[in-house]
Amino acid sequence: MIVCCIPMLAIAGLLFLTGVAGSGIIFSALLCTAMMAAMMFAMPGGHGGHGPK
């Protein structure tokens, strides 16, 4: 699931480096990634394993 955030972080970094977007977009992208990680670890059995434990 975290791999799905990599394109978003890359695009946010590219927009920041080219000057199109400000530092707020980096903060938003990192916050979104942190929320995705928190949800992944909060779900039962969502720690990379396959099937019920």
Protein backbone atom coordinates (compact mmCIF):
# COMPACT_ATOMS: atom_id res chain seq x y z
CA MET A 1 0.00 0.00 0.00
CA ILE A 2 2.81 2.42 0.81
CA VAL A 3 4.19 1.86 -2.69
CA CYS A 4 1.08 3.63 -4.00
CA CYS A 5 2.31 6.85 -2.36
CA ILE A 6 5.66 6.90 -4.20
CA PRO A 7 4.28 8.48 -7.42
CA MET A 8 2.49 11.16 -5.39
CA LEU A 9 5.67 11.99 -3.48
CA ALA A 10 7.68 12.08 -6.71
CA ILE A 11 5.22 14.43 -8.41
CA ALA A 12 5.06 16.67 -5.33
CA GLY A 13 8.86 16.80 -5.20
CA LEU A 14 9.07 17.61 -8.91
CA LEU A 15 6.51 20.41 -8.60
CA PHE A 16 8.40 21.80 -5.61
CA LEU A 17 11.78 21.66 -7.34
CA THR A 18 10.47 23.35 -10.49
CA GLY A 19 8.88 26.12 -8.42
CA VAL A 20 5.31 25.40 -9.54
CA ALA A 21 4.17 24.57 -6.00
CA GLY A 22 5.27 25.75 -2.56
CA SER A 23 6.43 23.83 0.47
CA GLY A 24 2.82 23.13 1.47
CA ILE A 25 2.52 20.44 -1.18
CA ILE A 26 5.49 18.58 0.31
CA PHE A 27 3.87 18.74 3.75
CA SER A 28 0.56 17.48 2.32
CA ALA A 29 2.22 14.59 0.50
CA LEU A 30 4.17 13.53 3.60
CA LEU A 31 1.05 13.82 5.76
CA CYS A 32 -0.89 11.64 3.31
CA THR A 33 1.87 9.03 3.37
CA ALA A 34 1.91 9.05 7.17
CA MET A 35 -1.87 8.59 7.30
CA MET A 36 -1.64 5.70 4.83
CA ALA A 37 1.03 4.03 6.99
CA ALA A 38 -1.03 4.54 10.15
CA MET A 39 -4.11 3.01 8.53
CA MET A 40 -2.08 0.09 7.21
CA PHE A 41 -0.68 -0.73 10.65
CA ALA A 42 -4.04 -0.19 12.37
CA MET A 43 -5.84 -2.74 10.20
CA PRO A 44 -5.74 -6.29 11.58
CA GLY A 45 -3.46 -8.56 9.58
CA GLY A 46 -2.23 -5.69 7.41
CA HIS A 47 1.46 -6.05 8.21
CA GLY A 48 2.52 -7.60 4.91
CA GLY A 49 1.36 -11.12 5.68
CA HIS A 50 -0.90 -13.14 3.41
CA GLY A 51 -4.04 -14.66 4.79
CA PRO A 52 -5.34 -14.81 8.35
CA LYS A 53 -2.90 -15.22 11.23
